[in-house]
């Protein structure tokens, strides 16, 4: 779940579902942001897709892809975003796909700034082994409340307990009618 600007206002969730060893279906779910808008100097909007085909991997394919250099805009690369790629989602896709279908992790040199990657991988591997070896269901699978959260940003007083101060804003399925993007005060919203 990516931070979506104003906490409690928008909902955007992305999920990646493996289809086989070399293909992944990316799913984006959103509510609250309508159409295209500016995020800093970049335009953010729905990703354009190719027409669906009948083969297994022929649905939900982006027009911008590795075969056409993700439609890099060289003028935008000089003035808007150093990538020249039209959306954050496509920038992420370009970086992910540039690693190839199966990344050789023996070449990784993870450091202290990668602590979350290391911990997340360890938790996933430990949970998979526990399920395989003892049938223990991974944490959170049978507890839907762990998925009922929102992400986003909020400005709080320096001495605020952020967990307590944002408790209601982080709850899913709760409307906050007083919120608007205007509270960002001209700051770029992603």
Protein backbone atom coordinates (compact mmCIF):
# COMPACT_ATOMS: atom_id res chain seq x y z
CA UNK A 1 0.00 0.00 0.00
CA UNK A 2 1.66 3.17 -1.17
CA UNK A 3 1.28 6.45 0.75
CA UNK A 4 -1.39 8.30 -1.18
CA UNK A 5 -1.08 11.93 -0.18
CA UNK A 6 -3.55 12.95 2.52
CA UNK A 7 -4.03 10.17 5.06
CA UNK A 8 -7.69 9.17 5.23
CA UNK A 9 -8.66 10.77 1.92
CA UNK A 10 -7.63 8.43 -0.86
CA UNK A 11 -7.29 4.69 -1.11
CA UNK A 12 -4.78 3.17 -3.51
CA UNK A 13 -3.58 -0.39 -3.18
CA UNK A 14 -1.26 -2.31 -5.47
CA UNK A 15 -0.80 -6.09 -5.49
CA UNK A 16 1.40 -8.35 -7.55
CA UNK A 17 0.07 -11.85 -8.22
CA UNK A 18 2.50 -14.40 -9.70
CA UNK A 19 1.07 -16.07 -12.81
CA UNK A 20 4.06 -18.37 -13.38
CA UNK A 21 7.82 -18.21 -12.79
CA UNK A 22 8.33 -15.33 -15.23
CA UNK A 23 5.04 -13.37 -15.31
CA UNK A 24 3.25 -11.33 -12.69
CA UNK A 25 -0.17 -9.68 -12.81
CA UNK A 26 -0.09 -6.21 -11.24
CA UNK A 27 -3.41 -5.08 -9.78
CA UNK A 28 -4.14 -1.48 -8.81
CA UNK A 29 -7.22 -0.54 -6.82
CA UNK A 30 -8.05 3.08 -6.16
CA UNK A 31 -10.72 5.35 -4.79
CA UNK A 32 -10.72 9.06 -4.12
CA UNK A 33 -8.51 10.40 -6.90
CA UNK A 34 -10.45 11.15 -10.05
CA UNK A 35 -8.84 11.26 -13.51
CA UNK A 36 -5.41 12.74 -14.02
CA UNK A 37 -3.75 15.28 -11.75
CA UNK A 38 -0.36 16.85 -11.08
CA UNK A 39 2.07 15.34 -8.57
CA UNK A 40 4.85 17.88 -8.37
CA UNK A 41 5.82 18.41 -12.02
CA UNK A 42 4.55 15.01 -13.13
CA UNK A 43 1.07 14.11 -14.37
CA UNK A 44 -0.49 11.14 -12.58
CA UNK A 45 -3.36 9.20 -14.10
CA UNK A 46 -4.54 5.78 -15.18
CA UNK A 47 -2.02 3.71 -17.14
CA UNK A 48 -3.02 3.16 -20.78
CA UNK A 49 -3.39 -0.52 -21.68
CA UNK A 50 -3.28 -2.49 -24.91
CA UNK A 51 -6.37 -4.33 -26.17
CA UNK A 52 -6.82 -7.70 -24.50
CA UNK A 53 -5.98 -10.88 -26.38
CA UNK A 54 -7.19 -14.39 -25.72
CA UNK A 55 -3.86 -15.87 -24.60
CA UNK A 56 -3.01 -16.38 -20.93
CA UNK A 57 -0.70 -13.36 -20.68
CA UNK A 58 -2.65 -11.13 -23.06
CA UNK A 59 -4.67 -9.03 -20.65
CA UNK A 60 -3.97 -5.76 -18.81
CA UNK A 61 -0.71 -5.06 -20.67
CA UNK A 62 0.60 -1.50 -20.58
CA UNK A 63 1.08 0.40 -23.83
CA UNK A 64 4.39 1.69 -22.43
CA UNK A 65 6.66 -1.34 -21.99
CA UNK A 66 10.23 -2.60 -22.43
CA UNK A 67 9.77 -3.05 -26.20
CA UNK A 68 9.21 0.71 -26.67
CA UNK A 69 11.47 1.96 -23.83
CA UNK A 70 8.38 2.70 -21.73
CA UNK A 71 7.68 5.60 -24.12
CA UNK A 72 10.46 7.69 -22.58
CA UNK A 73 9.87 11.37 -23.31
CA UNK A 74 13.33 12.92 -23.74
CA UNK A 75 12.05 16.50 -23.29
CA UNK A 76 10.26 15.53 -20.06
CA UNK A 77 13.45 13.76 -19.00
CA UNK A 78 15.23 17.12 -19.10
CA UNK A 79 12.50 19.20 -17.48
CA UNK A 80 10.06 17.06 -15.46
CA UNK A 81 11.50 13.75 -14.31
CA UNK A 82 14.97 12.34 -14.89
CA UNK A 83 13.38 9.05 -16.00
CA UNK A 84 11.22 10.61 -18.72
CA UNK A 85 8.72 7.83 -18.02
CA UNK A 86 5.16 9.11 -17.69
CA UNK A 87 4.03 7.69 -14.35
CA UNK A 88 5.42 6.41 -11.09
CA UNK A 89 3.77 3.02 -11.72
CA UNK A 90 5.56 2.71 -15.10
CA UNK A 91 8.85 3.88 -13.55
CA UNK A 92 8.52 1.08 -10.97
CA UNK A 93 7.65 -1.38 -13.73
CA UNK A 94 10.70 -0.36 -15.79
CA UNK A 95 13.07 -0.84 -12.86
CA UNK A 96 11.50 -4.16 -11.87
CA UNK A 97 11.50 -5.57 -15.39
CA UNK A 98 15.08 -4.40 -16.06
CA UNK A 99 16.27 -7.05 -13.58
CA UNK A 100 15.06 -9.80 -15.91
CA UNK A 101 12.44 -12.48 -15.26
CA UNK A 102 14.36 -14.27 -12.48
CA UNK A 103 16.84 -12.16 -10.56
CA UNK A 104 20.08 -13.81 -9.44
CA UNK A 105 20.21 -12.83 -5.77
CA UNK A 106 23.75 -14.16 -5.39
CA UNK A 107 24.82 -10.82 -6.92
CA UNK A 108 23.01 -8.78 -4.25
CA UNK A 109 25.02 -6.84 -1.72
CA UNK A 110 22.42 -5.81 0.83
CA UNK A 111 23.45 -3.25 3.42
CA UNK A 112 22.06 -1.65 6.55
CA UNK A 113 19.64 0.49 4.51
CA UNK A 114 18.09 -2.77 3.22
CA UNK A 115 17.11 -3.96 6.70
CA UNK A 116 13.39 -3.99 5.86
CA UNK A 117 13.98 -6.03 2.69
CA UNK A 118 16.05 -8.52 4.69
CA UNK A 119 13.46 -8.80 7.48
CA UNK A 120 10.53 -9.10 5.08
CA UNK A 121 12.20 -11.87 3.09
CA UNK A 122 13.10 -13.72 6.29
CA UNK A 123 9.52 -13.51 7.59
CA UNK A 124 8.11 -14.76 4.27
CA UNK A 125 10.57 -17.65 4.07
CA UNK A 126 10.00 -18.59 7.74
CA UNK A 127 6.21 -18.50 7.25
CA UNK A 128 6.43 -20.65 4.10
CA UNK A 129 8.65 -23.20 5.87
CA UNK A 130 6.32 -23.33 8.90
CA UNK A 131 3.32 -23.92 6.61
CA UNK A 132 5.19 -26.63 4.71
CA UNK A 133 6.71 -28.36 7.76
CA UNK A 134 4.00 -28.06 10.42
CA UNK A 135 0.89 -26.74 8.65
CA UNK A 136 1.06 -23.50 10.69
CA UNK A 137 -1.01 -20.82 8.92
CA UNK A 138 1.02 -17.61 8.33
CA UNK A 139 0.28 -14.65 10.63
CA UNK A 140 -2.57 -12.43 9.48
CA UNK A 141 -4.12 -14.89 7.02
CA UNK A 142 -7.14 -15.56 9.21
CA UNK A 143 -7.38 -12.02 10.63
CA UNK A 144 -9.03 -9.66 8.13
CA UNK A 145 -8.57 -6.68 10.45
CA UNK A 146 -4.86 -6.53 9.57
CA UNK A 147 -5.86 -5.54 6.04
CA UNK A 148 -8.29 -2.80 7.10
CA UNK A 149 -5.77 0.05 7.11
CA UNK A 150 -4.93 3.06 4.97
CA UNK A 151 -1.65 4.70 4.17
CA UNK A 152 -0.85 8.34 3.55
CA UNK A 153 0.73 11.42 4.98
CA UNK A 154 -0.27 13.78 7.74
CA UNK A 155 1.36 16.79 9.41
CA UNK A 156 1.31 16.53 13.21
CA UNK A 157 2.65 18.64 16.07
CA UNK A 158 6.22 17.67 16.96
CA UNK A 159 5.21 16.15 20.32
CA UNK A 160 2.25 14.11 18.97
CA UNK A 161 2.08 10.34 19.37
CA UNK A 162 1.63 9.57 15.66
CA UNK A 163 0.06 6.15 16.29
CA UNK A 164 -2.67 7.60 18.48
CA UNK A 165 -3.10 10.81 16.47
CA UNK A 166 -3.69 8.93 13.20
CA UNK A 167 -5.69 5.96 14.51
CA UNK A 168 -9.02 7.01 12.92
CA UNK A 169 -7.41 8.26 9.70
CA UNK A 170 -5.67 4.89 9.18
CA UNK A 171 -8.91 2.88 9.51
CA UNK A 172 -10.35 1.52 6.28
CA UNK A 173 -14.01 1.98 5.31
CA UNK A 174 -14.28 5.23 7.29
CA UNK A 175 -15.21 8.47 5.55
CA UNK A 176 -13.56 11.76 6.56
CA UNK A 177 -15.70 14.41 4.83
CA UNK A 178 -13.61 17.36 6.08
CA UNK A 179 -10.45 16.21 4.31
CA UNK A 180 -9.31 17.52 0.94
CA UNK A 181 -6.09 17.71 -1.04
CA UNK A 182 -6.03 21.43 -0.19
CA UNK A 183 -4.50 20.62 3.21
CA UNK A 184 -1.25 19.87 1.40
CA UNK A 185 -0.67 23.61 0.98
CA UNK A 186 0.82 23.39 -2.49
CA UNK A 187 3.16 20.52 -1.68
CA UNK A 188 3.42 17.81 -4.37
CA UNK A 189 0.98 14.97 -3.71
CA UNK A 190 1.69 11.50 -4.96
